[in-house]
Amino acid sequence: MFFATILFCRKGLYHPDDLVVAKRAGVDDLGNDNPVVAAVIICLIVLAYGSYQIYSVN
């Protein structure tokens, strides 16, 4: 789940003060954040794990 967040929410990796300093230094674009994609992937992982637990009973 952590890696899905890293891939799709790049600005979340940085402290807000660091983002302000970066904007002042001229870095305008850190990439687009797509938290919806990250949330969908995380939900799919949780559902897959849950279904594995339900259906893996011997």
Protein backbone atom coordinates (compact mmCIF):
# COMPACT_ATOMS: atom_id res chain seq x y z
CA MET A 1 0.00 0.00 0.00
CA PHE A 2 2.87 2.31 0.77
CA PHE A 3 4.34 1.84 -2.71
CA ALA A 4 0.99 2.56 -4.39
CA THR A 5 0.86 5.81 -2.44
CA ILE A 6 4.43 6.70 -3.43
CA LEU A 7 3.72 6.07 -7.12
CA PHE A 8 0.51 8.07 -7.36
CA CYS A 9 0.82 10.77 -4.63
CA ARG A 10 4.24 12.30 -5.14
CA LYS A 11 3.61 15.52 -3.25
CA GLY A 12 2.64 13.54 -0.17
CA LEU A 13 6.24 12.43 0.24
CA TYR A 14 7.44 15.92 1.06
CA HIS A 15 6.91 18.13 4.07
CA PRO A 16 4.78 21.18 3.21
CA ASP A 17 7.68 23.48 4.13
CA ASP A 18 9.90 21.64 1.64
CA LEU A 19 7.28 22.14 -1.07
CA VAL A 20 7.21 25.88 -0.36
CA VAL A 21 11.02 26.07 -0.56
CA ALA A 22 10.99 24.11 -3.81
CA LYS A 23 8.41 26.47 -5.34
CA ARG A 24 10.52 29.46 -4.33
CA ALA A 25 13.55 27.80 -5.92
CA GLY A 26 11.69 27.48 -9.21
CA VAL A 27 10.44 23.90 -9.14
CA ASP A 28 6.87 24.29 -10.31
CA ASP A 29 5.82 20.78 -11.17
CA LEU A 30 6.53 17.69 -9.07
CA GLY A 31 4.15 15.62 -11.14
CA ASN A 32 0.43 15.09 -10.99
CA ASP A 33 -1.09 13.46 -7.93
CA ASN A 34 -3.64 10.73 -8.56
CA PRO A 35 -4.95 9.74 -5.12
CA VAL A 36 -8.00 8.07 -6.68
CA VAL A 37 -5.79 5.59 -8.52
CA ALA A 38 -3.84 4.87 -5.33
CA ALA A 39 -7.09 4.38 -3.38
CA VAL A 40 -8.43 1.96 -6.00
CA ILE A 41 -5.21 -0.09 -5.97
CA ILE A 42 -5.20 -0.20 -2.16
CA CYS A 43 -8.85 -1.31 -2.10
CA LEU A 44 -8.11 -4.04 -4.63
CA ILE A 45 -5.21 -5.27 -2.50
CA VAL A 46 -7.40 -5.36 0.62
CA LEU A 47 -10.21 -7.17 -1.24
CA ALA A 48 -7.80 -9.69 -2.74
CA TYR A 49 -6.29 -10.42 0.66
CA GLY A 50 -9.72 -10.74 2.23
CA SER A 51 -10.95 -13.12 -0.44
CA TYR A 52 -7.75 -15.14 -0.12
CA GLN A 53 -8.38 -15.48 3.62
CA ILE A 54 -12.00 -16.52 3.10
CA TYR A 55 -11.40 -19.05 0.33
CA SER A 56 -8.08 -20.51 1.50
CA VAL A 57 -9.66 -22.53 4.28
CA ASN A 58 -8.80 -26.18 3.78
